[in-house]
N, C-alpha and C. Protein backbone atom coordinates (compact mmCIF):
# COMPACT_ATOMS: atom_id res chain seq x y z
N MET A 1 -13.94 95.16 80.93
CA MET A 1 -14.25 94.33 79.93
C MET A 1 -15.63 94.43 79.42
N GLY A 2 -16.00 94.31 78.16
CA GLY A 2 -17.33 94.41 77.62
C GLY A 2 -17.95 93.09 77.66
N PRO A 3 -19.27 93.08 77.13
CA PRO A 3 -20.07 91.91 77.07
C PRO A 3 -19.38 90.77 76.31
N VAL A 4 -19.66 89.54 76.70
CA VAL A 4 -19.06 88.43 76.07
C VAL A 4 -19.65 88.22 74.66
N ASP A 5 -19.00 87.44 73.82
CA ASP A 5 -19.48 87.09 72.54
C ASP A 5 -20.82 86.21 72.71
N GLU A 6 -21.97 86.80 72.23
CA GLU A 6 -23.22 86.18 72.45
C GLU A 6 -23.33 84.87 71.61
N SER A 7 -22.46 84.74 70.67
CA SER A 7 -22.70 83.43 69.83
C SER A 7 -21.88 82.26 70.29
N ALA A 8 -21.07 82.49 71.48
CA ALA A 8 -20.24 81.43 72.02
C ALA A 8 -20.96 80.73 73.12
N THR A 9 -20.54 79.49 73.38
CA THR A 9 -21.17 78.70 74.44
C THR A 9 -20.97 79.38 75.77
N VAL A 10 -21.98 79.48 76.61
CA VAL A 10 -21.92 80.12 77.84
C VAL A 10 -21.62 79.03 78.87
N ARG A 11 -20.46 79.14 79.50
CA ARG A 11 -19.98 78.18 80.59
C ARG A 11 -20.54 78.56 82.01
N VAL A 12 -21.29 77.71 82.60
CA VAL A 12 -21.91 78.04 83.86
C VAL A 12 -21.49 77.10 85.01
N LEU A 13 -21.29 77.78 86.10
CA LEU A 13 -21.12 77.04 87.39
C LEU A 13 -22.35 77.25 88.22
N ILE A 14 -22.82 76.20 88.84
CA ILE A 14 -24.08 76.27 89.60
C ILE A 14 -23.67 76.10 91.08
N VAL A 15 -24.03 77.03 91.92
CA VAL A 15 -23.62 77.00 93.28
C VAL A 15 -24.90 77.06 94.30
N ASP A 16 -25.09 76.01 95.05
CA ASP A 16 -26.19 75.97 95.94
C ASP A 16 -25.82 74.82 96.95
N ASP A 17 -26.16 74.97 98.26
CA ASP A 17 -25.87 74.01 99.22
C ASP A 17 -26.83 72.76 99.22
N GLU A 18 -27.81 72.82 98.32
CA GLU A 18 -28.77 71.72 98.27
C GLU A 18 -28.57 70.98 96.90
N ALA A 19 -28.19 69.70 97.07
CA ALA A 19 -27.89 68.97 95.78
C ALA A 19 -29.18 68.91 94.82
N LEU A 20 -30.29 68.86 95.48
CA LEU A 20 -31.53 68.71 94.62
C LEU A 20 -31.65 69.97 93.84
N ILE A 21 -31.44 71.17 94.36
CA ILE A 21 -31.54 72.40 93.62
C ILE A 21 -30.49 72.47 92.41
N ARG A 22 -29.19 72.04 92.81
CA ARG A 22 -28.30 72.00 91.68
C ARG A 22 -28.65 71.10 90.62
N SER A 23 -29.30 69.97 90.93
CA SER A 23 -29.59 69.02 89.91
C SER A 23 -30.82 69.60 89.07
N GLY A 24 -31.66 70.36 89.66
CA GLY A 24 -32.79 70.96 88.94
C GLY A 24 -32.27 71.94 87.96
N PHE A 25 -31.31 72.83 88.42
CA PHE A 25 -30.78 73.86 87.48
C PHE A 25 -29.90 73.25 86.45
N ARG A 26 -29.31 72.15 86.63
CA ARG A 26 -28.42 71.49 85.69
C ARG A 26 -29.46 70.89 84.56
N PHE A 27 -30.50 70.33 84.98
CA PHE A 27 -31.48 69.87 84.09
C PHE A 27 -32.11 70.89 83.25
N VAL A 28 -32.54 72.06 83.95
CA VAL A 28 -33.17 73.13 83.16
C VAL A 28 -32.26 73.75 82.14
N LEU A 29 -31.01 74.07 82.57
CA LEU A 29 -30.02 74.69 81.58
C LEU A 29 -29.51 73.80 80.56
N GLY A 30 -29.50 72.42 80.87
CA GLY A 30 -28.92 71.59 80.01
C GLY A 30 -29.70 71.47 78.69
N VAL A 31 -30.90 71.86 78.71
CA VAL A 31 -31.83 71.74 77.46
C VAL A 31 -31.39 72.69 76.35
N ASP A 32 -30.68 73.74 76.75
CA ASP A 32 -30.20 74.78 75.81
C ASP A 32 -28.83 74.41 75.39
N THR A 33 -28.64 74.20 74.18
CA THR A 33 -27.34 73.70 73.60
C THR A 33 -26.21 74.85 73.65
N SER A 34 -26.67 76.09 73.91
CA SER A 34 -25.76 77.28 73.94
C SER A 34 -25.11 77.43 75.32
N ILE A 35 -25.57 76.53 76.26
CA ILE A 35 -25.09 76.61 77.77
C ILE A 35 -24.40 75.30 78.02
N GLU A 36 -23.26 75.44 78.62
CA GLU A 36 -22.52 74.25 79.08
C GLU A 36 -22.31 74.37 80.61
N ILE A 37 -22.78 73.31 81.34
CA ILE A 37 -22.60 73.33 82.75
C ILE A 37 -21.18 72.79 83.02
N VAL A 38 -20.27 73.65 83.59
CA VAL A 38 -18.88 73.14 83.78
C VAL A 38 -18.66 72.78 85.14
N GLY A 39 -19.60 72.84 86.14
CA GLY A 39 -19.37 72.47 87.47
C GLY A 39 -20.32 72.76 88.42
N GLU A 40 -20.30 72.29 89.60
CA GLU A 40 -21.22 72.54 90.68
C GLU A 40 -20.41 72.79 92.02
N ALA A 41 -20.95 73.60 92.83
CA ALA A 41 -20.24 73.88 94.20
C ALA A 41 -21.41 73.98 95.26
N SER A 42 -21.03 73.44 96.40
CA SER A 42 -22.06 73.41 97.40
C SER A 42 -21.85 74.54 98.49
N ASP A 43 -20.84 75.38 98.28
CA ASP A 43 -20.66 76.53 99.17
C ASP A 43 -19.88 77.65 98.59
N GLY A 44 -19.80 78.79 99.20
CA GLY A 44 -19.21 79.91 98.60
C GLY A 44 -17.61 79.65 98.41
N ALA A 45 -16.94 79.15 99.36
CA ALA A 45 -15.60 78.88 99.20
C ALA A 45 -15.20 77.99 98.09
N ALA A 46 -15.97 76.92 97.84
CA ALA A 46 -15.64 76.15 96.72
C ALA A 46 -15.97 76.79 95.38
N ALA A 47 -16.97 77.70 95.44
CA ALA A 47 -17.25 78.41 94.24
C ALA A 47 -16.10 79.41 93.91
N VAL A 48 -15.62 80.07 94.85
CA VAL A 48 -14.46 80.96 94.53
C VAL A 48 -13.26 80.10 93.98
N ALA A 49 -12.93 78.92 94.59
CA ALA A 49 -11.81 78.12 94.17
C ALA A 49 -12.09 77.65 92.80
N PHE A 50 -13.30 77.28 92.40
CA PHE A 50 -13.65 76.75 91.13
C PHE A 50 -13.47 77.87 90.02
N VAL A 51 -13.95 79.02 90.39
CA VAL A 51 -13.83 80.27 89.43
C VAL A 51 -12.34 80.52 89.11
N ARG A 52 -11.51 80.48 90.14
CA ARG A 52 -10.19 80.73 90.08
C ARG A 52 -9.50 79.83 89.12
N ALA A 53 -9.87 78.54 89.18
CA ALA A 53 -9.22 77.54 88.41
C ALA A 53 -9.87 77.37 87.02
N HIS A 54 -11.13 77.67 86.83
CA HIS A 54 -11.73 77.28 85.52
C HIS A 54 -12.34 78.44 84.78
N ARG A 55 -12.57 79.64 85.39
CA ARG A 55 -13.02 80.85 84.83
C ARG A 55 -14.33 80.66 84.02
N PRO A 56 -15.51 80.25 84.61
CA PRO A 56 -16.69 80.10 83.85
C PRO A 56 -17.18 81.51 83.48
N ASP A 57 -18.10 81.57 82.57
CA ASP A 57 -18.70 82.95 82.15
C ASP A 57 -19.70 83.44 83.16
N VAL A 58 -20.52 82.54 83.80
CA VAL A 58 -21.52 82.83 84.65
C VAL A 58 -21.56 82.00 85.89
N VAL A 59 -21.82 82.45 87.06
CA VAL A 59 -22.06 81.66 88.17
C VAL A 59 -23.55 81.89 88.62
N LEU A 60 -24.29 80.85 88.85
CA LEU A 60 -25.55 80.86 89.41
C LEU A 60 -25.21 80.77 90.93
N MET A 61 -25.46 81.80 91.70
CA MET A 61 -25.07 81.89 93.07
C MET A 61 -26.16 81.93 94.11
N ASP A 62 -26.26 80.94 94.95
CA ASP A 62 -27.26 80.98 95.95
C ASP A 62 -26.89 82.04 96.98
N VAL A 63 -27.85 82.71 97.51
CA VAL A 63 -27.58 83.79 98.39
C VAL A 63 -27.22 83.34 99.82
N ARG A 64 -28.06 82.40 100.33
CA ARG A 64 -27.96 81.98 101.68
C ARG A 64 -27.24 80.56 101.65
N MET A 65 -26.00 80.53 102.15
CA MET A 65 -25.33 79.24 102.30
C MET A 65 -24.51 79.27 103.62
N PRO A 66 -24.23 78.12 104.20
CA PRO A 66 -23.37 78.05 105.33
C PRO A 66 -22.00 78.38 105.03
N GLY A 67 -21.19 78.80 105.93
CA GLY A 67 -19.80 79.22 105.68
C GLY A 67 -19.70 80.46 104.94
N VAL A 68 -19.09 80.52 103.78
CA VAL A 68 -18.91 81.76 102.98
C VAL A 68 -20.20 81.99 102.29
N SER A 69 -20.87 83.12 102.55
CA SER A 69 -22.18 83.42 101.98
C SER A 69 -22.10 83.90 100.44
N GLY A 70 -23.18 83.88 99.89
CA GLY A 70 -23.41 84.36 98.49
C GLY A 70 -22.73 85.72 98.32
N PRO A 71 -23.05 86.73 99.09
CA PRO A 71 -22.40 88.09 98.87
C PRO A 71 -20.88 88.00 99.09
N GLU A 72 -20.38 87.30 100.08
CA GLU A 72 -19.05 87.15 100.27
C GLU A 72 -18.26 86.55 99.08
N ALA A 73 -18.86 85.43 98.57
CA ALA A 73 -18.33 84.74 97.47
C ALA A 73 -18.33 85.60 96.22
N THR A 74 -19.42 86.36 96.03
CA THR A 74 -19.60 87.18 94.82
C THR A 74 -18.58 88.25 94.89
N ALA A 75 -18.33 88.95 95.96
CA ALA A 75 -17.34 89.95 96.04
C ALA A 75 -15.92 89.47 95.64
N SER A 76 -15.65 88.24 96.11
CA SER A 76 -14.36 87.67 95.86
C SER A 76 -14.15 87.30 94.41
N ILE A 77 -15.26 86.84 93.85
CA ILE A 77 -15.29 86.32 92.39
C ILE A 77 -15.09 87.53 91.42
N VAL A 78 -15.92 88.56 91.70
CA VAL A 78 -15.77 89.68 90.73
C VAL A 78 -14.56 90.50 90.82
N SER A 79 -13.90 90.44 92.00
CA SER A 79 -12.68 91.17 92.17
C SER A 79 -11.44 90.49 91.60
N GLN A 80 -11.55 89.21 91.25
CA GLN A 80 -10.46 88.45 90.73
C GLN A 80 -10.72 87.81 89.33
N SER A 81 -11.85 88.02 88.70
CA SER A 81 -12.09 87.39 87.40
C SER A 81 -13.13 88.21 86.61
N ASP A 82 -13.26 87.71 85.35
CA ASP A 82 -14.19 88.30 84.43
C ASP A 82 -15.56 87.67 84.56
N THR A 83 -15.73 86.68 85.38
CA THR A 83 -16.98 85.91 85.59
C THR A 83 -18.05 86.75 86.12
N ARG A 84 -19.30 86.59 85.58
CA ARG A 84 -20.46 87.32 86.02
C ARG A 84 -21.27 86.51 87.03
N VAL A 85 -21.87 87.16 87.94
CA VAL A 85 -22.61 86.33 88.99
C VAL A 85 -24.12 86.64 88.76
N LEU A 86 -24.91 85.64 88.77
CA LEU A 86 -26.39 85.82 88.77
C LEU A 86 -26.91 85.23 90.11
N ALA A 87 -27.35 86.03 91.00
CA ALA A 87 -27.80 85.57 92.23
C ALA A 87 -29.14 84.79 92.23
N MET A 88 -29.32 83.81 93.15
CA MET A 88 -30.46 83.02 93.07
C MET A 88 -30.98 82.89 94.63
N THR A 89 -32.22 83.01 94.71
CA THR A 89 -32.81 82.79 96.11
C THR A 89 -34.25 82.37 95.91
N SER A 90 -34.73 81.61 96.95
CA SER A 90 -36.14 81.14 97.07
C SER A 90 -36.95 82.24 97.78
N ILE A 91 -36.33 83.28 98.39
CA ILE A 91 -37.04 84.29 99.15
C ILE A 91 -36.84 85.67 98.49
N ASP A 92 -37.92 86.36 98.09
CA ASP A 92 -37.77 87.63 97.37
C ASP A 92 -37.56 88.67 98.37
N SER A 93 -36.28 88.74 98.83
CA SER A 93 -35.76 89.63 99.93
C SER A 93 -35.12 90.81 99.34
N GLU A 94 -35.54 92.10 99.50
CA GLU A 94 -34.86 93.17 98.87
C GLU A 94 -33.54 93.36 99.70
N ASP A 95 -33.55 93.08 100.91
CA ASP A 95 -32.26 93.23 101.66
C ASP A 95 -31.14 92.34 101.11
N GLN A 96 -31.53 91.05 100.83
CA GLN A 96 -30.54 90.10 100.13
C GLN A 96 -30.10 90.68 98.82
N LEU A 97 -31.03 91.13 98.07
CA LEU A 97 -30.68 91.64 96.72
C LEU A 97 -29.80 92.81 96.81
N VAL A 98 -30.01 93.71 97.71
CA VAL A 98 -29.04 94.88 97.87
C VAL A 98 -27.77 94.40 98.22
N ARG A 99 -27.51 93.46 99.14
CA ARG A 99 -26.25 92.91 99.50
C ARG A 99 -25.50 92.26 98.27
N MET A 100 -26.33 91.55 97.48
CA MET A 100 -25.65 90.88 96.27
C MET A 100 -25.32 91.91 95.23
N LEU A 101 -26.09 92.99 95.04
CA LEU A 101 -25.77 93.97 94.09
C LEU A 101 -24.49 94.84 94.56
N ALA A 102 -24.48 95.11 95.82
CA ALA A 102 -23.43 95.89 96.33
C ALA A 102 -22.09 95.03 96.21
N ALA A 103 -22.15 93.64 96.26
CA ALA A 103 -21.04 92.79 96.24
C ALA A 103 -20.53 92.66 94.74
N GLY A 104 -21.45 93.07 93.79
CA GLY A 104 -21.01 93.01 92.41
C GLY A 104 -21.79 92.06 91.48
N ALA A 105 -22.87 91.55 92.03
CA ALA A 105 -23.76 90.58 91.21
C ALA A 105 -24.32 91.29 90.01
N SER A 106 -24.48 90.62 88.90
CA SER A 106 -25.00 91.25 87.74
C SER A 106 -26.45 91.21 87.68
N GLY A 107 -27.10 90.39 88.50
CA GLY A 107 -28.61 90.27 88.58
C GLY A 107 -29.01 89.43 89.67
N TYR A 108 -30.31 89.09 89.60
CA TYR A 108 -30.96 88.42 90.72
C TYR A 108 -32.20 87.67 90.18
N LEU A 109 -32.24 86.39 90.62
CA LEU A 109 -33.32 85.59 90.00
C LEU A 109 -33.93 84.66 91.18
N LEU A 110 -35.18 84.60 91.12
CA LEU A 110 -35.98 83.61 92.06
C LEU A 110 -35.91 82.28 91.48
N LYS A 111 -35.69 81.25 92.41
CA LYS A 111 -35.53 79.89 92.08
C LYS A 111 -36.66 79.30 91.43
N ASP A 112 -37.89 79.95 91.70
CA ASP A 112 -39.18 79.27 91.13
C ASP A 112 -39.62 79.84 89.84
N GLU A 113 -38.68 80.56 89.18
CA GLU A 113 -39.01 81.15 87.83
C GLU A 113 -39.15 79.93 86.90
N SER A 114 -39.79 80.26 85.79
CA SER A 114 -40.06 79.25 84.67
C SER A 114 -38.75 78.86 84.16
N PRO A 115 -38.63 77.55 83.63
CA PRO A 115 -37.35 77.18 82.99
C PRO A 115 -36.97 78.10 81.86
N GLU A 116 -37.87 78.69 81.10
CA GLU A 116 -37.53 79.60 79.97
C GLU A 116 -36.93 80.83 80.59
N ARG A 117 -37.47 81.37 81.53
CA ARG A 117 -37.01 82.55 82.26
C ARG A 117 -35.55 82.34 82.78
N ILE A 118 -35.37 81.21 83.34
CA ILE A 118 -34.03 80.93 83.90
C ILE A 118 -32.92 80.84 82.74
N VAL A 119 -33.32 80.11 81.68
CA VAL A 119 -32.27 80.03 80.51
C VAL A 119 -32.07 81.45 80.05
N ASP A 120 -33.10 82.26 79.80
CA ASP A 120 -32.99 83.60 79.31
C ASP A 120 -32.12 84.42 80.16
N ALA A 121 -32.19 84.35 81.52
CA ALA A 121 -31.58 85.08 82.58
C ALA A 121 -30.06 84.78 82.44
N VAL A 122 -29.67 83.57 82.32
CA VAL A 122 -28.34 83.13 82.25
C VAL A 122 -27.65 83.78 80.91
N LEU A 123 -28.45 83.55 79.81
CA LEU A 123 -27.82 84.12 78.56
C LEU A 123 -27.64 85.59 78.60
N ARG A 124 -28.64 86.26 79.11
CA ARG A 124 -28.71 87.65 79.22
C ARG A 124 -27.53 88.20 80.15
N THR A 125 -27.25 87.47 81.21
CA THR A 125 -26.20 87.82 82.07
C THR A 125 -24.93 87.64 81.44
N ALA A 126 -24.77 86.62 80.70
CA ALA A 126 -23.46 86.33 79.95
C ALA A 126 -23.25 87.43 78.85
N ALA A 127 -24.34 88.01 78.38
CA ALA A 127 -24.20 89.07 77.39
C ALA A 127 -24.05 90.42 77.97
N GLY A 128 -24.05 90.54 79.31
CA GLY A 128 -23.88 91.83 79.90
C GLY A 128 -25.18 92.45 80.32
N ASP A 129 -26.21 91.87 80.25
CA ASP A 129 -27.48 92.56 80.63
C ASP A 129 -27.78 92.47 82.11
N THR A 130 -28.74 93.22 82.66
CA THR A 130 -29.03 93.23 83.99
C THR A 130 -30.36 92.40 84.09
N VAL A 131 -30.42 91.37 85.04
CA VAL A 131 -31.64 90.62 85.23
C VAL A 131 -32.03 90.73 86.66
N VAL A 132 -33.16 91.31 86.86
CA VAL A 132 -33.63 91.50 88.28
C VAL A 132 -35.16 90.97 88.27
N SER A 133 -35.48 90.08 89.15
CA SER A 133 -36.82 89.48 89.26
C SER A 133 -37.72 90.40 90.09
N GLY A 134 -38.69 90.96 89.38
CA GLY A 134 -39.87 91.68 90.20
C GLY A 134 -39.48 92.87 90.86
N ARG A 135 -38.32 93.56 90.59
CA ARG A 135 -37.96 94.68 91.26
C ARG A 135 -37.42 95.85 90.29
N SER A 136 -37.45 97.05 90.87
CA SER A 136 -36.90 98.14 90.16
C SER A 136 -35.37 98.18 90.23
N THR A 137 -34.69 98.02 89.17
CA THR A 137 -33.25 98.14 89.16
C THR A 137 -32.70 99.42 89.77
N ALA A 138 -33.34 100.60 89.31
CA ALA A 138 -32.83 101.91 89.74
C ALA A 138 -33.03 101.99 91.31
N GLN A 139 -34.22 101.63 91.84
CA GLN A 139 -34.43 101.77 93.15
C GLN A 139 -33.48 100.83 94.03
N LEU A 140 -33.10 99.67 93.52
CA LEU A 140 -32.24 98.78 94.23
C LEU A 140 -30.81 99.24 94.22
N VAL A 141 -30.41 99.91 93.13
CA VAL A 141 -29.10 100.48 92.93
C VAL A 141 -28.92 101.67 94.00
N ARG A 142 -29.97 102.41 94.19
CA ARG A 142 -29.89 103.56 95.17
C ARG A 142 -29.68 102.91 96.59
N ARG A 143 -30.49 101.88 96.88
CA ARG A 143 -30.39 101.27 98.25
C ARG A 143 -29.03 100.66 98.35
N ALA A 144 -28.48 99.94 97.31
CA ALA A 144 -27.12 99.39 97.53
C ALA A 144 -26.06 100.46 97.79
N VAL A 145 -26.20 101.55 97.20
CA VAL A 145 -25.24 102.69 97.49
C VAL A 145 -25.41 103.22 98.83
N ALA A 146 -26.70 103.48 99.20
CA ALA A 146 -27.05 104.01 100.57
C ALA A 146 -26.54 103.12 101.67
N SER A 147 -26.47 101.79 101.43
CA SER A 147 -26.11 100.89 102.48
C SER A 147 -24.59 100.75 102.58
N GLU A 148 -23.79 101.37 101.74
CA GLU A 148 -22.35 101.29 101.80
C GLU A 148 -21.84 102.16 102.80
N SER A 149 -20.74 101.82 103.37
CA SER A 149 -19.96 102.66 104.34
C SER A 149 -18.99 103.52 103.60
N GLY A 150 -18.80 104.66 103.96
CA GLY A 150 -17.73 105.53 103.46
C GLY A 150 -18.15 106.59 102.44
N GLY A 151 -18.74 106.19 101.39
CA GLY A 151 -19.30 107.05 100.37
C GLY A 151 -18.60 106.78 99.05
N GLY A 152 -17.52 107.40 98.75
CA GLY A 152 -16.84 107.12 97.44
C GLY A 152 -17.26 108.05 96.39
N ARG A 153 -17.96 109.14 96.73
CA ARG A 153 -18.60 110.12 95.67
C ARG A 153 -17.46 110.63 94.82
N ILE A 154 -16.43 111.15 95.48
CA ILE A 154 -15.36 111.79 94.63
C ILE A 154 -14.62 110.75 93.73
N VAL A 155 -14.34 109.54 94.24
CA VAL A 155 -13.78 108.59 93.35
C VAL A 155 -14.62 108.24 92.18
N ALA A 156 -15.99 108.12 92.54
CA ALA A 156 -16.75 107.83 91.39
C ALA A 156 -16.86 108.95 90.46
N ALA A 157 -16.93 110.26 90.87
CA ALA A 157 -16.99 111.30 89.96
C ALA A 157 -15.68 111.37 89.07
N GLU A 158 -14.68 111.02 89.60
CA GLU A 158 -13.37 110.96 88.85
C GLU A 158 -13.37 109.88 87.69
N ARG A 159 -14.02 108.78 88.12
CA ARG A 159 -14.03 107.71 87.07
C ARG A 159 -15.03 108.06 85.98
N ILE A 160 -16.14 108.76 86.20
CA ILE A 160 -17.00 109.16 85.29
C ILE A 160 -16.39 110.30 84.36
N SER A 161 -15.56 111.11 84.87
CA SER A 161 -14.99 112.15 84.12
C SER A 161 -14.13 111.64 82.97
N ALA A 162 -13.74 110.32 82.97
CA ALA A 162 -13.02 109.82 81.88
C ALA A 162 -13.90 109.42 80.72
N LEU A 163 -15.16 109.49 80.90
CA LEU A 163 -16.13 109.13 79.73
C LEU A 163 -16.32 110.33 78.78
N THR A 164 -16.40 110.04 77.53
CA THR A 164 -16.78 111.05 76.59
C THR A 164 -18.26 111.43 76.81
N GLU A 165 -18.69 112.49 76.21
CA GLU A 165 -20.08 112.92 76.31
C GLU A 165 -21.06 111.86 75.92
N ARG A 166 -20.81 111.23 74.82
CA ARG A 166 -21.64 110.19 74.34
C ARG A 166 -21.65 108.93 75.25
N GLU A 167 -20.52 108.53 75.68
CA GLU A 167 -20.35 107.39 76.64
C GLU A 167 -21.12 107.71 78.05
N ARG A 168 -21.03 108.86 78.40
CA ARG A 168 -21.77 109.19 79.67
C ARG A 168 -23.30 109.16 79.34
N THR A 169 -23.78 109.67 78.26
CA THR A 169 -25.18 109.53 77.94
C THR A 169 -25.64 108.13 77.91
N VAL A 170 -24.80 107.25 77.25
CA VAL A 170 -25.20 105.83 77.25
C VAL A 170 -25.15 105.29 78.68
N ALA A 171 -24.16 105.74 79.55
CA ALA A 171 -24.15 105.14 80.87
C ALA A 171 -25.38 105.61 81.68
N GLU A 172 -25.79 106.84 81.41
CA GLU A 172 -27.00 107.44 82.18
C GLU A 172 -28.23 106.57 81.66
N GLY A 173 -28.34 106.19 80.41
CA GLY A 173 -29.40 105.44 79.96
C GLY A 173 -29.40 104.01 80.63
N VAL A 174 -28.27 103.45 80.81
CA VAL A 174 -28.14 102.07 81.54
C VAL A 174 -28.54 102.36 82.91
N ALA A 175 -28.18 103.37 83.57
CA ALA A 175 -28.60 103.65 84.99
C ALA A 175 -30.09 103.78 85.14
N ARG A 176 -30.75 104.20 84.15
CA ARG A 176 -32.23 104.31 84.10
C ARG A 176 -32.92 102.93 83.76
N GLY A 177 -32.13 101.98 83.55
CA GLY A 177 -32.70 100.59 83.23
C GLY A 177 -33.09 100.45 81.86
N GLU A 178 -32.54 101.23 80.88
CA GLU A 178 -33.03 101.19 79.45
C GLU A 178 -32.16 100.12 78.72
N THR A 179 -32.74 99.50 77.78
CA THR A 179 -32.08 98.57 76.97
C THR A 179 -31.22 99.30 75.92
N ASN A 180 -30.24 98.53 75.22
CA ASN A 180 -29.55 99.15 74.10
C ASN A 180 -30.31 99.67 73.05
N GLN A 181 -31.59 98.93 72.80
CA GLN A 181 -32.37 99.40 71.70
C GLN A 181 -33.01 100.77 72.17
N GLN A 182 -33.44 100.81 73.38
CA GLN A 182 -34.11 102.02 73.75
C GLN A 182 -33.08 103.27 73.80
N ILE A 183 -31.85 103.01 74.25
CA ILE A 183 -30.96 104.06 74.27
C ILE A 183 -30.59 104.50 72.89
N GLY A 184 -30.49 103.61 71.93
CA GLY A 184 -30.18 103.85 70.54
C GLY A 184 -31.22 104.64 69.92
N ALA A 185 -32.53 104.34 70.25
CA ALA A 185 -33.64 105.07 69.72
C ALA A 185 -33.58 106.56 70.03
N ALA A 186 -33.28 106.82 71.37
CA ALA A 186 -33.26 108.14 71.98
C ALA A 186 -32.10 108.92 71.38
N LEU A 187 -31.02 108.27 71.02
CA LEU A 187 -29.79 108.87 70.39
C LEU A 187 -29.70 108.82 68.92
N HIS A 188 -30.69 108.10 68.28
CA HIS A 188 -30.68 108.00 66.87
C HIS A 188 -29.38 107.27 66.31
N ILE A 189 -29.02 106.25 67.09
CA ILE A 189 -27.92 105.32 66.73
C ILE A 189 -28.44 103.88 66.91
N SER A 190 -27.64 103.05 66.28
CA SER A 190 -27.96 101.62 66.34
C SER A 190 -27.75 100.98 67.64
N ALA A 191 -28.42 99.88 68.02
CA ALA A 191 -28.11 99.10 69.18
C ALA A 191 -26.68 98.61 69.18
N ALA A 192 -26.13 98.30 68.04
CA ALA A 192 -24.81 97.83 67.92
C ALA A 192 -23.81 98.94 68.26
N THR A 193 -24.08 100.11 67.86
CA THR A 193 -23.27 101.27 68.26
C THR A 193 -23.36 101.61 69.71
N VAL A 194 -24.55 101.41 70.35
CA VAL A 194 -24.71 101.53 71.71
C VAL A 194 -23.84 100.50 72.48
N LYS A 195 -23.84 99.29 72.06
CA LYS A 195 -23.04 98.31 72.59
C LYS A 195 -21.60 98.59 72.57
N THR A 196 -21.01 99.22 71.47
CA THR A 196 -19.59 99.53 71.42
C THR A 196 -19.34 100.60 72.31
N HIS A 197 -20.25 101.70 72.55
CA HIS A 197 -20.02 102.67 73.53
C HIS A 197 -20.03 102.08 74.93
N LEU A 198 -20.91 101.18 75.12
CA LEU A 198 -21.04 100.56 76.49
C LEU A 198 -19.81 99.72 76.84
N GLU A 199 -19.13 99.11 75.95
CA GLU A 199 -17.89 98.40 76.10
C GLU A 199 -16.90 99.33 76.60
N GLN A 200 -16.75 100.59 76.09
CA GLN A 200 -15.84 101.49 76.46
C GLN A 200 -16.18 102.07 77.84
N VAL A 201 -17.51 102.15 78.16
CA VAL A 201 -17.87 102.56 79.50
C VAL A 201 -17.46 101.52 80.47
N PHE A 202 -17.69 100.29 80.25
CA PHE A 202 -17.19 99.15 81.12
C PHE A 202 -15.73 99.28 81.32
N THR A 203 -14.90 99.46 80.31
CA THR A 203 -13.49 99.49 80.39
C THR A 203 -13.02 100.70 81.27
N LYS A 204 -13.62 101.89 80.95
CA LYS A 204 -13.21 103.04 81.65
C LYS A 204 -13.59 103.07 83.21
N LEU A 205 -14.75 102.60 83.31
CA LEU A 205 -15.22 102.60 84.83
C LEU A 205 -14.65 101.36 85.66
N GLY A 206 -14.18 100.39 84.81
CA GLY A 206 -13.56 99.19 85.50
C GLY A 206 -14.64 98.29 86.13
N VAL A 207 -15.74 98.08 85.30
CA VAL A 207 -16.87 97.26 85.71
C VAL A 207 -17.11 96.27 84.56
N ARG A 208 -18.12 95.28 84.92
CA ARG A 208 -18.46 94.33 83.90
C ARG A 208 -19.96 94.06 83.78
N SER A 209 -20.75 94.94 84.48
CA SER A 209 -22.23 94.71 84.37
C SER A 209 -22.83 96.07 84.36
N ARG A 210 -24.10 96.14 83.90
CA ARG A 210 -24.89 97.26 83.77
C ARG A 210 -25.23 97.80 85.20
N VAL A 211 -25.60 96.87 86.15
CA VAL A 211 -25.79 97.27 87.56
C VAL A 211 -24.65 98.04 88.05
N GLN A 212 -23.44 97.58 87.86
CA GLN A 212 -22.24 98.38 88.37
C GLN A 212 -22.09 99.72 87.75
N VAL A 213 -22.53 99.92 86.51
CA VAL A 213 -22.53 101.30 85.91
C VAL A 213 -23.51 102.17 86.66
N GLY A 214 -24.65 101.65 86.94
CA GLY A 214 -25.64 102.38 87.68
C GLY A 214 -25.18 102.70 89.08
N ILE A 215 -24.47 101.87 89.77
CA ILE A 215 -23.89 102.14 91.14
C ILE A 215 -22.95 103.15 91.14
N ILE A 216 -22.04 103.15 90.06
CA ILE A 216 -21.09 104.23 90.02
C ILE A 216 -21.66 105.64 89.89
N LEU A 217 -22.81 105.74 88.93
CA LEU A 217 -23.37 106.91 88.71
C LEU A 217 -24.15 107.40 89.89
N GLU A 218 -24.72 106.40 90.67
CA GLU A 218 -25.46 106.91 91.77
C GLU A 218 -24.45 107.28 92.92
N ARG A 219 -23.35 106.79 93.06
CA ARG A 219 -22.26 107.14 93.99
C ARG A 219 -21.90 108.52 93.72
N ALA A 220 -21.85 108.93 92.40
CA ALA A 220 -21.35 110.29 92.05
C ALA A 220 -22.54 111.34 92.15
N GLY A 221 -23.74 110.85 92.57
CA GLY A 221 -24.92 111.75 92.58
C GLY A 221 -25.60 111.99 91.28
N LEU A 222 -25.38 110.94 90.36
CA LEU A 222 -25.94 111.08 88.96
C LEU A 222 -26.92 110.02 88.68
N GLY A 223 -27.62 109.49 89.76
CA GLY A 223 -28.52 108.44 89.53
C GLY A 223 -29.79 108.89 88.82
N PRO A 224 -30.73 108.00 88.52
CA PRO A 224 -31.88 108.29 87.65
C PRO A 224 -32.67 109.50 88.03
N ARG A 225 -32.72 109.75 89.30
CA ARG A 225 -33.59 110.95 89.81
C ARG A 225 -32.92 112.15 89.40
N GLU A 226 -31.62 112.18 89.21
CA GLU A 226 -30.92 113.43 88.98
C GLU A 226 -30.42 113.65 87.62
N ILE A 227 -30.61 112.64 86.68
CA ILE A 227 -30.13 112.78 85.36
C ILE A 227 -31.06 113.65 84.43
């Protein structure tokens, strides 16, 4: 599935085990009329159940929670829905971020970001962009793949082989952390055309986020260092 319609209202579920944190995010996001808070959950199990029943566009997911953790809930959500997950934490831990990316999160946000940054991150996540606070996306993708058990290089290579030459070039740009505008400038095509190619990349690779595109290329040995 490709990026959602950016003109539509973005439906958001807030997940955190602290009620005060949930209230804070509800207040911050409620200022933007293009965002609708459709629910709150205090743990990962409740988040999974809510997504199954209501299909929000974005889940703001706390990383550390009792019971079902953020990574566990994220893996379950992305495997059974089109909902995107934006991880949140108060601790800038690379290990936590790697776990969330490996589980399928579309990005990572610190809880003490400015209100403007939080709103922008939610909207960008809904639109299919990658949001990572203060870290190199390419570096974190490599760590996420390195931390996986098994490998999956052959499977990843087979999935990439389904891409056309232009789609693969777009995917490689995404893996390097480039925006649609940057990819379009390099290829002498419009950002809208890049978006169309990227939608095909998402469909053929069976992913819903730019981070996941990077992970598949890295699994196949085609990460930023080798492109």
